[in-house]
Amino acid sequence: MEGVTLRRGSTTVFSGLNLELVESRIGLIGDNGAGKSSLFRLLCGLDTPSAGRISVHGTEVGPTDLRERPVGMMFQSPDEQIIFPTVEEELALGLEVSGVPRRQAREQVREFLRDRGLGHWAERAIACLSQGQRQHVCWLALTIAAPVLLLLDEPFASLDLPGQILLAQEIQQAPQQIIVSTHVLNHVRHFERVVWLAEGQVRSDGPGQEVCAAYEVDIARRMDSHRLHPGATLALM
């Protein structure tokens, strides 16, 4: 990302933002409204910057053919992402978009699910799945489509503890570059790099342990200030 500016109406979300994201596992942290989801939307081409340049693994981000986009994104809410009524149809979508014939795509999906012990999920109706199961379907859809970069926006929010452990293991094993935006710091604390966003700017950028610890100290300071001055906001200072 080179000199990226993003404006929404009269609000400037980013101004001249520069980021080079090359590590295989990167965490993205910060308060609500810090710009984490906006950053993801820029990287996958859902938002267009007012100025600057964005490229992902050598491909310029813009209004390109879907088959040429090297990025996949998992939204905070699976209901914003899932289109089709069954698991099989949803997972086949990414393959069909990349040019795989429908029948072949369905066969690949069934094999993909069987390899994960989820063969019985193929014909299940999305409406009958729990929130956590639908979130897992979104992860599976990204995995089978196999873009080179995966953006996961609060992927642990609707998962129970076993689901969080399973997803964390799959993130660790996946061959793609993955950027995880989360408020659950323990899921990114061990990452080689974590970026802390605050009000559209990079507040800190470095090893996960160091950046997460700095963010926790900042939160504790703001909470102490709020207790001393109950009428104060928790704004960054």
C-alpha atoms as a PDB file:
ATOM      1  CA  MET A   1       0.000   0.000   0.000  1.00  0.00           C
ATOM      2  CA  GLU A   2       1.651   3.229  -1.172  1.00  0.00           C
ATOM      3  CA  GLY A   3       0.319   6.636  -0.146  1.00  0.00           C
ATOM      4  CA  VAL A   4      -3.213   5.299   0.269  1.00  0.00           C
ATOM      5  CA  THR A   5      -5.957   7.762   1.167  1.00  0.00           C
ATOM      6  CA  LEU A   6      -9.546   6.673   1.763  1.00  0.00           C
ATOM      7  CA  ARG A   7     -12.408   9.096   2.296  1.00  0.00           C
ATOM      8  CA  ARG A   8     -16.052   8.386   3.058  1.00  0.00           C
ATOM      9  CA  GLY A   9     -18.043  11.570   2.665  1.00  0.00           C
ATOM     10  CA  SER A  10     -16.434  14.163   4.899  1.00  0.00           C
ATOM     11  CA  THR A  11     -14.548  11.521   6.903  1.00  0.00           C
ATOM     12  CA  THR A  12     -10.941  10.636   6.087  1.00  0.00           C
ATOM     13  CA  VAL A  13     -10.345   7.017   7.085  1.00  0.00           C
ATOM     14  CA  PHE A  14      -6.717   6.814   5.895  1.00  0.00           C
ATOM     15  CA  SER A  15      -4.380   9.577   4.785  1.00  0.00           C
ATOM     16  CA  GLY A  16      -1.184   8.687   2.932  1.00  0.00           C
ATOM     17  CA  LEU A  17      -0.997   5.198   4.452  1.00  0.00           C
ATOM     18  CA  ASN A  18       2.088   3.136   3.560  1.00  0.00           C
ATOM     19  CA  LEU A  19       2.278  -0.563   4.440  1.00  0.00           C
ATOM     20  CA  GLU A  20       4.302  -3.452   3.099  1.00  0.00           C
ATOM     21  CA  LEU A  21       2.829  -6.701   4.398  1.00  0.00           C
ATOM     22  CA  VAL A  22       5.130  -9.597   3.545  1.00  0.00           C
ATOM     23  CA  GLU A  23       5.051 -11.937   6.565  1.00  0.00           C
ATOM     24  CA  SER A  24       3.071 -15.179   6.315  1.00  0.00           C
ATOM     25  CA  ARG A  25       0.997 -14.457   9.446  1.00  0.00           C
ATOM     26  CA  ILE A  26       0.046 -10.899  10.370  1.00  0.00           C
ATOM     27  CA  GLY A  27      -2.313  -9.740  13.103  1.00  0.00           C
ATOM     28  CA  LEU A  28      -4.352  -6.543  12.880  1.00  0.00           C
ATOM     29  CA  ILE A  29      -5.558  -5.042  16.164  1.00  0.00           C
ATOM     30  CA  GLY A  30      -7.083  -1.834  17.474  1.00  0.00           C
ATOM     31  CA  ASP A  31     -10.282  -0.344  18.841  1.00  0.00           C
ATOM     32  CA  ASN A  32     -13.562  -0.409  16.953  1.00  0.00           C
ATOM     33  CA  GLY A  33     -13.437   2.286  14.276  1.00  0.00           C
ATOM     34  CA  ALA A  34      -9.638   2.187  14.001  1.00  0.00           C
ATOM     35  CA  GLY A  35      -9.808   1.240  10.310  1.00  0.00           C
ATOM     36  CA  LYS A  36      -9.228  -2.531  10.398  1.00  0.00           C
ATOM     37  CA  SER A  37     -12.225  -3.535   8.277  1.00  0.00           C
ATOM     38  CA  SER A  38     -11.605  -0.604   5.917  1.00  0.00           C
ATOM     39  CA  LEU A  39      -8.049  -1.808   5.396  1.00  0.00           C
ATOM     40  CA  PHE A  40      -9.349  -5.247   4.463  1.00  0.00           C
ATOM     41  CA  ARG A  41     -11.928  -3.803   2.077  1.00  0.00           C
ATOM     42  CA  LEU A  42      -9.165  -1.891   0.302  1.00  0.00           C
ATOM     43  CA  LEU A  43      -6.942  -4.964   0.013  1.00  0.00           C
ATOM     44  CA  CYS A  44      -9.668  -7.071  -1.583  1.00  0.00           C
ATOM     45  CA  GLY A  45     -10.958  -4.306  -3.870  1.00  0.00           C
ATOM     46  CA  LEU A  46     -14.338  -3.696  -2.212  1.00  0.00           C
ATOM     47  CA  ASP A  47     -13.334  -0.078  -1.543  1.00  0.00           C
ATOM     48  CA  THR A  48     -11.360   2.147  -3.915  1.00  0.00           C
ATOM     49  CA  PRO A  49      -8.779   4.556  -2.455  1.00  0.00           C
ATOM     50  CA  SER A  50      -9.100   8.270  -3.145  1.00  0.00           C
ATOM     51  CA  ALA A  51      -5.355   8.318  -3.786  1.00  0.00           C
ATOM     52  CA  GLY A  52      -2.446   5.903  -3.737  1.00  0.00           C
ATOM     53  CA  ARG A  53      -1.675   2.456  -5.057  1.00  0.00           C
ATOM     54  CA  ILE A  54      -2.433  -1.050  -3.760  1.00  0.00           C
ATOM     55  CA  SER A  55      -1.015  -4.296  -5.120  1.00  0.00           C
ATOM     56  CA  VAL A  56      -1.268  -7.838  -3.762  1.00  0.00           C
ATOM     57  CA  HIS A  57       1.380 -10.383  -4.746  1.00  0.00           C
ATOM     58  CA  GLY A  58       2.127  -8.425  -7.900  1.00  0.00           C
ATOM     59  CA  THR A  59      -1.498  -7.855  -8.929  1.00  0.00           C
ATOM     60  CA  GLU A  60      -2.847  -4.307  -8.914  1.00  0.00           C
ATOM     61  CA  VAL A  61      -6.004  -4.136  -6.795  1.00  0.00           C
ATOM     62  CA  GLY A  62      -8.872  -2.645  -8.758  1.00  0.00           C
ATOM     63  CA  PRO A  63     -11.889  -3.547 -10.903  1.00  0.00           C
ATOM     64  CA  THR A  64     -10.272  -6.727 -12.275  1.00  0.00           C
ATOM     65  CA  ASP A  65     -11.941  -9.973 -13.273  1.00  0.00           C
ATOM     66  CA  LEU A  66     -12.838 -12.002 -10.172  1.00  0.00           C
ATOM     67  CA  ARG A  67     -10.751 -14.890 -11.508  1.00  0.00           C
ATOM     68  CA  GLU A  68      -7.662 -12.675 -11.393  1.00  0.00           C
ATOM     69  CA  ARG A  69      -8.062 -11.530  -7.791  1.00  0.00           C
ATOM     70  CA  PRO A  70      -5.489 -13.150  -5.481  1.00  0.00           C
ATOM     71  CA  VAL A  71      -7.379 -12.197  -2.297  1.00  0.00           C
ATOM     72  CA  GLY A  72     -10.146 -13.890  -0.318  1.00  0.00           C
ATOM     73  CA  MET A  73     -11.910 -12.281   2.631  1.00  0.00           C
ATOM     74  CA  MET A  74     -13.958 -13.742   5.470  1.00  0.00           C
ATOM     75  CA  PHE A  75     -16.424 -11.171   6.829  1.00  0.00           C
ATOM     76  CA  GLN A  76     -17.324 -10.658  10.484  1.00  0.00           C
ATOM     77  CA  SER A  77     -20.823 -11.997   9.871  1.00  0.00           C
ATOM     78  CA  PRO A  78     -21.148 -15.181   7.786  1.00  0.00           C
ATOM     79  CA  ASP A  79     -24.616 -14.049   6.687  1.00  0.00           C
ATOM     80  CA  GLU A  80     -22.964 -11.194   4.766  1.00  0.00           C
ATOM     81  CA  GLN A  81     -20.842 -13.682   2.841  1.00  0.00           C
ATOM     82  CA  ILE A  82     -22.900 -16.815   2.233  1.00  0.00           C
ATOM     83  CA  ILE A  83     -24.998 -16.767  -0.948  1.00  0.00           C
ATOM     84  CA  PHE A  84     -26.223 -20.294  -1.646  1.00  0.00           C
ATOM     85  CA  PRO A  85     -28.670 -22.454   0.352  1.00  0.00           C
ATOM     86  CA  THR A  86     -26.444 -25.536   0.816  1.00  0.00           C
ATOM     87  CA  VAL A  87     -22.867 -26.086   1.923  1.00  0.00           C
ATOM     88  CA  GLU A  88     -21.931 -27.845  -1.305  1.00  0.00           C
ATOM     89  CA  GLU A  89     -23.194 -25.014  -3.487  1.00  0.00           C
ATOM     90  CA  GLU A  90     -21.458 -22.368  -1.376  1.00  0.00           C
ATOM     91  CA  LEU A  91     -18.079 -24.090  -1.495  1.00  0.00           C
ATOM     92  CA  ALA A  92     -18.370 -24.787  -5.219  1.00  0.00           C
ATOM     93  CA  LEU A  93     -18.837 -21.088  -5.992  1.00  0.00           C
ATOM     94  CA  GLY A  94     -15.160 -20.192  -5.654  1.00  0.00           C
ATOM     95  CA  LEU A  95     -14.148 -23.053  -7.923  1.00  0.00           C
ATOM     96  CA  GLU A  96     -16.729 -22.153 -10.558  1.00  0.00           C
ATOM     97  CA  VAL A  97     -15.635 -18.504 -10.547  1.00  0.00           C
ATOM     98  CA  SER A  98     -12.075 -19.677 -11.289  1.00  0.00           C
ATOM     99  CA  GLY A  99     -13.314 -21.612 -14.308  1.00  0.00           C
ATOM    100  CA  VAL A 100     -13.975 -25.135 -12.974  1.00  0.00           C
ATOM    101  CA  PRO A 101     -17.106 -26.670 -14.588  1.00  0.00           C
ATOM    102  CA  ARG A 102     -20.057 -26.974 -12.196  1.00  0.00           C
ATOM    103  CA  ARG A 103     -20.169 -30.768 -12.061  1.00  0.00           C
ATOM    104  CA  GLN A 104     -16.425 -31.038 -11.494  1.00  0.00           C
ATOM    105  CA  ALA A 105     -16.602 -28.312  -8.834  1.00  0.00           C
ATOM    106  CA  ARG A 106     -19.275 -30.242  -6.904  1.00  0.00           C
ATOM    107  CA  GLU A 107     -17.161 -33.409  -7.043  1.00  0.00           C
ATOM    108  CA  GLN A 108     -14.119 -31.528  -5.737  1.00  0.00           C
ATOM    109  CA  VAL A 109     -16.207 -30.059  -2.897  1.00  0.00           C
ATOM    110  CA  ARG A 110     -17.443 -33.494  -1.798  1.00  0.00           C
ATOM    111  CA  GLU A 111     -13.920 -34.877  -1.798  1.00  0.00           C
ATOM    112  CA  PHE A 112     -12.652 -31.801   0.038  1.00  0.00           C
ATOM    113  CA  LEU A 113     -15.286 -32.244   2.765  1.00  0.00           C
ATOM    114  CA  ARG A 114     -14.699 -35.998   3.064  1.00  0.00           C
ATOM    115  CA  ASP A 115     -10.970 -35.410   3.594  1.00  0.00           C
ATOM    116  CA  ARG A 116     -11.892 -33.243   6.600  1.00  0.00           C
ATOM    117  CA  GLY A 117     -14.402 -35.668   8.062  1.00  0.00           C
ATOM    118  CA  LEU A 118     -17.251 -33.391   6.980  1.00  0.00           C
ATOM    119  CA  GLY A 119     -18.682 -35.393   4.104  1.00  0.00           C
ATOM    120  CA  HIS A 120     -22.130 -35.290   5.725  1.00  0.00           C
ATOM    121  CA  TRP A 121     -22.112 -31.483   5.449  1.00  0.00           C
ATOM    122  CA  ALA A 122     -22.292 -31.423   1.640  1.00  0.00           C
ATOM    123  CA  GLU A 123     -26.075 -31.366   1.314  1.00  0.00           C
ATOM    124  CA  ARG A 124     -26.810 -29.600   4.583  1.00  0.00           C
ATOM    125  CA  ALA A 125     -28.900 -26.459   4.408  1.00  0.00           C
ATOM    126  CA  ILE A 126     -27.056 -23.340   5.538  1.00  0.00           C
ATOM    127  CA  ALA A 127     -30.185 -22.209   7.405  1.00  0.00           C
ATOM    128  CA  CYS A 128     -29.932 -25.295   9.662  1.00  0.00           C
ATOM    129  CA  LEU A 129     -26.355 -24.542  10.746  1.00  0.00           C
ATOM    130  CA  SER A 130     -25.387 -22.670  13.883  1.00  0.00           C
ATOM    131  CA  GLN A 131     -23.624 -19.300  13.671  1.00  0.00           C
ATOM    132  CA  GLY A 132     -20.289 -20.959  14.384  1.00  0.00           C
ATOM    133  CA  GLN A 133     -20.895 -23.649  11.745  1.00  0.00           C
ATOM    134  CA  ARG A 134     -21.749 -21.007   9.155  1.00  0.00           C
ATOM    135  CA  GLN A 135     -18.521 -19.229  10.058  1.00  0.00           C
ATOM    136  CA  HIS A 136     -16.680 -22.501   9.453  1.00  0.00           C
ATOM    137  CA  VAL A 137     -18.373 -22.818   6.055  1.00  0.00           C
ATOM    138  CA  CYS A 138     -16.966 -19.386   5.157  1.00  0.00           C
ATOM    139  CA  TRP A 139     -13.482 -20.564   6.151  1.00  0.00           C
ATOM    140  CA  LEU A 140     -13.864 -23.740   4.095  1.00  0.00           C
ATOM    141  CA  ALA A 141     -15.040 -21.703   1.092  1.00  0.00           C
ATOM    142  CA  LEU A 142     -11.895 -19.573   1.275  1.00  0.00           C
ATOM    143  CA  THR A 143      -9.668 -22.598   1.737  1.00  0.00           C
ATOM    144  CA  ILE A 144     -10.988 -24.519  -1.257  1.00  0.00           C
ATOM    145  CA  ALA A 145     -10.835 -21.430  -3.511  1.00  0.00           C
ATOM    146  CA  ALA A 146      -7.160 -21.097  -2.476  1.00  0.00           C
ATOM    147  CA  PRO A 147      -6.337 -17.401  -3.105  1.00  0.00           C
ATOM    148  CA  VAL A 148      -2.770 -16.421  -2.201  1.00  0.00           C
ATOM    149  CA  LEU A 149      -3.890 -14.005   0.544  1.00  0.00           C
ATOM    150  CA  LEU A 150      -6.641 -14.627   3.107  1.00  0.00           C
ATOM    151  CA  LEU A 151      -8.149 -11.752   5.102  1.00  0.00           C
ATOM    152  CA  LEU A 152     -10.022 -12.891   8.216  1.00  0.00           C
ATOM    153  CA  ASP A 153     -12.143 -10.188   9.873  1.00  0.00           C
ATOM    154  CA  GLU A 154     -12.940 -11.183  13.490  1.00  0.00           C
ATOM    155  CA  PRO A 155     -12.983 -14.901  12.576  1.00  0.00           C
ATOM    156  CA  PHE A 156     -13.236 -16.116  16.187  1.00  0.00           C
ATOM    157  CA  ALA A 157     -16.133 -13.895  17.279  1.00  0.00           C
ATOM    158  CA  SER A 158     -18.951 -16.429  16.841  1.00  0.00           C
ATOM    159  CA  LEU A 159     -17.003 -19.611  17.627  1.00  0.00           C
ATOM    160  CA  ASP A 160     -17.100 -21.657  20.818  1.00  0.00           C
ATOM    161  CA  LEU A 161     -13.792 -22.713  22.385  1.00  0.00           C
ATOM    162  CA  PRO A 162     -13.422 -25.967  20.370  1.00  0.00           C
ATOM    163  CA  GLY A 163     -14.225 -24.022  17.196  1.00  0.00           C
ATOM    164  CA  GLN A 164     -11.608 -21.385  18.029  1.00  0.00           C
ATOM    165  CA  ILE A 165      -8.968 -24.040  18.630  1.00  0.00           C
ATOM    166  CA  LEU A 166      -9.809 -25.808  15.359  1.00  0.00           C
ATOM    167  CA  LEU A 167      -9.697 -22.574  13.340  1.00  0.00           C
ATOM    168  CA  ALA A 168      -6.415 -21.518  14.973  1.00  0.00           C
ATOM    169  CA  GLN A 169      -4.903 -24.865  13.985  1.00  0.00           C
ATOM    170  CA  GLU A 170      -6.131 -24.550  10.410  1.00  0.00           C
ATOM    171  CA  ILE A 171      -4.793 -20.994  10.162  1.00  0.00           C
ATOM    172  CA  GLN A 172      -1.417 -22.259  11.337  1.00  0.00           C
ATOM    173  CA  GLN A 173      -1.364 -25.047   8.747  1.00  0.00           C
ATOM    174  CA  ALA A 174      -2.725 -23.140   5.734  1.00  0.00           C
ATOM    175  CA  PRO A 175      -0.167 -22.475   2.966  1.00  0.00           C
ATOM    176  CA  GLN A 176      -1.498 -18.998   2.126  1.00  0.00           C
ATOM    177  CA  GLN A 177      -0.462 -15.666   3.583  1.00  0.00           C
ATOM    178  CA  ILE A 178      -3.068 -14.781   6.228  1.00  0.00           C
ATOM    179  CA  ILE A 179      -3.931 -11.486   7.926  1.00  0.00           C
ATOM    180  CA  VAL A 180      -6.193 -11.800  10.985  1.00  0.00           C
ATOM    181  CA  SER A 181      -8.119  -8.847  12.406  1.00  0.00           C
ATOM    182  CA  THR A 182      -9.233  -9.624  15.949  1.00  0.00           C
ATOM    183  CA  HIS A 183      -9.955  -8.306  19.436  1.00  0.00           C
ATOM    184  CA  VAL A 184      -8.904 -11.682  20.909  1.00  0.00           C
ATOM    185  CA  LEU A 185      -5.205 -10.921  21.255  1.00  0.00           C
ATOM    186  CA  ASN A 186      -4.175 -14.444  22.249  1.00  0.00           C
ATOM    187  CA  HIS A 187      -4.937 -15.606  18.718  1.00  0.00           C
ATOM    188  CA  VAL A 188      -2.316 -13.290  17.189  1.00  0.00           C
ATOM    189  CA  ARG A 189       0.093 -12.730  20.068  1.00  0.00           C
ATOM    190  CA  HIS A 190       2.437 -15.421  18.705  1.00  0.00           C
ATOM    191  CA  PHE A 191       2.397 -14.023  15.141  1.00  0.00           C
ATOM    192  CA  GLU A 192       5.682 -12.786  13.736  1.00  0.00           C
ATOM    193  CA  ARG A 193       4.062  -9.414  13.037  1.00  0.00           C
ATOM    194  CA  VAL A 194       1.108  -7.471  14.432  1.00  0.00           C
ATOM    195  CA  VAL A 195      -0.045  -4.047  13.232  1.00  0.00           C
ATOM    196  CA  TRP A 196      -1.921  -1.838  15.712  1.00  0.00           C
ATOM    197  CA  LEU A 197      -4.194   0.691  14.022  1.00  0.00           C
ATOM    198  CA  ALA A 198      -5.509   3.768  15.820  1.00  0.00           C
ATOM    199  CA  GLU A 199      -7.708   6.348  14.114  1.00  0.00           C
ATOM    200  CA  GLY A 200      -6.526   5.326  10.654  1.00  0.00           C
ATOM    201  CA  GLN A 201      -2.816   5.450  11.514  1.00  0.00           C
ATOM    202  CA  VAL A 202      -0.289   2.760  12.401  1.00  0.00           C
ATOM    203  CA  ARG A 203       0.244   3.180  16.141  1.00  0.00           C
ATOM    204  CA  SER A 204       2.688   0.271  16.460  1.00  0.00           C
ATOM    205  CA  ASP A 205       4.070  -2.398  14.138  1.00  0.00           C
ATOM    206  CA  GLY A 206       6.294  -5.310  15.127  1.00  0.00           C
ATOM    207  CA  PRO A 207       6.466  -8.743  16.781  1.00  0.00           C
ATOM    208  CA  GLY A 208       3.105  -9.929  18.101  1.00  0.00           C
ATOM    209  CA  GLN A 209       4.167 -10.227  21.744  1.00  0.00           C
ATOM    210  CA  GLU A 210       5.477  -6.663  21.871  1.00  0.00           C
ATOM    211  CA  VAL A 211       2.635  -4.943  20.002  1.00  0.00           C
ATOM    212  CA  CYS A 212      -0.145  -6.806  21.851  1.00  0.00           C
ATOM    213  CA  ALA A 213       1.479  -5.995  25.192  1.00  0.00           C
ATOM    214  CA  ALA A 214       1.747  -2.300  24.257  1.00  0.00           C
ATOM    215  CA  TYR A 215      -1.926  -2.241  23.248  1.00  0.00           C
ATOM    216  CA  GLU A 216      -2.950  -3.839  26.560  1.00  0.00           C
ATOM    217  CA  VAL A 217      -0.930  -1.256  28.499  1.00  0.00           C
ATOM    218  CA  ASP A 218      -2.621   1.533  26.548  1.00  0.00           C
ATOM    219  CA  ILE A 219      -6.074   0.113  27.263  1.00  0.00           C
ATOM    220  CA  ALA A 220      -5.267  -0.190  30.983  1.00  0.00           C
ATOM    221  CA  ARG A 221      -4.100   3.434  31.041  1.00  0.00           C
ATOM    222  CA  ARG A 222      -7.280   4.625  29.355  1.00  0.00           C
ATOM    223  CA  MET A 223      -9.468   2.583  31.702  1.00  0.00           C
ATOM    224  CA  ASP A 224      -7.660   4.067  34.714  1.00  0.00           C
ATOM    225  CA  SER A 225      -8.222   7.549  33.322  1.00  0.00           C
ATOM    226  CA  HIS A 226     -11.905   6.761  32.796  1.00  0.00           C
ATOM    227  CA  ARG A 227     -12.268   5.581  36.413  1.00  0.00           C
ATOM    228  CA  LEU A 228     -10.606   8.767  37.668  1.00  0.00           C
ATOM    229  CA  HIS A 229     -12.770  10.923  35.395  1.00  0.00           C
ATOM    230  CA  PRO A 230     -16.076   9.064  34.829  1.00  0.00           C
ATOM    231  CA  GLY A 231     -17.309  11.623  32.313  1.00  0.00           C
ATOM    232  CA  ALA A 232     -14.257  11.162  30.078  1.00  0.00           C
ATOM    233  CA  THR A 233     -14.265   9.045  26.900  1.00  0.00           C
ATOM    234  CA  LEU A 234     -11.815   6.234  26.197  1.00  0.00           C
ATOM    235  CA  ALA A 235     -10.304   8.068  23.258  1.00  0.00           C
ATOM    236  CA  LEU A 236      -6.683   7.409  22.371  1.00  0.00           C
ATOM    237  CA  MET A 237      -4.302  10.003  23.722  1.00  0.00           C
END
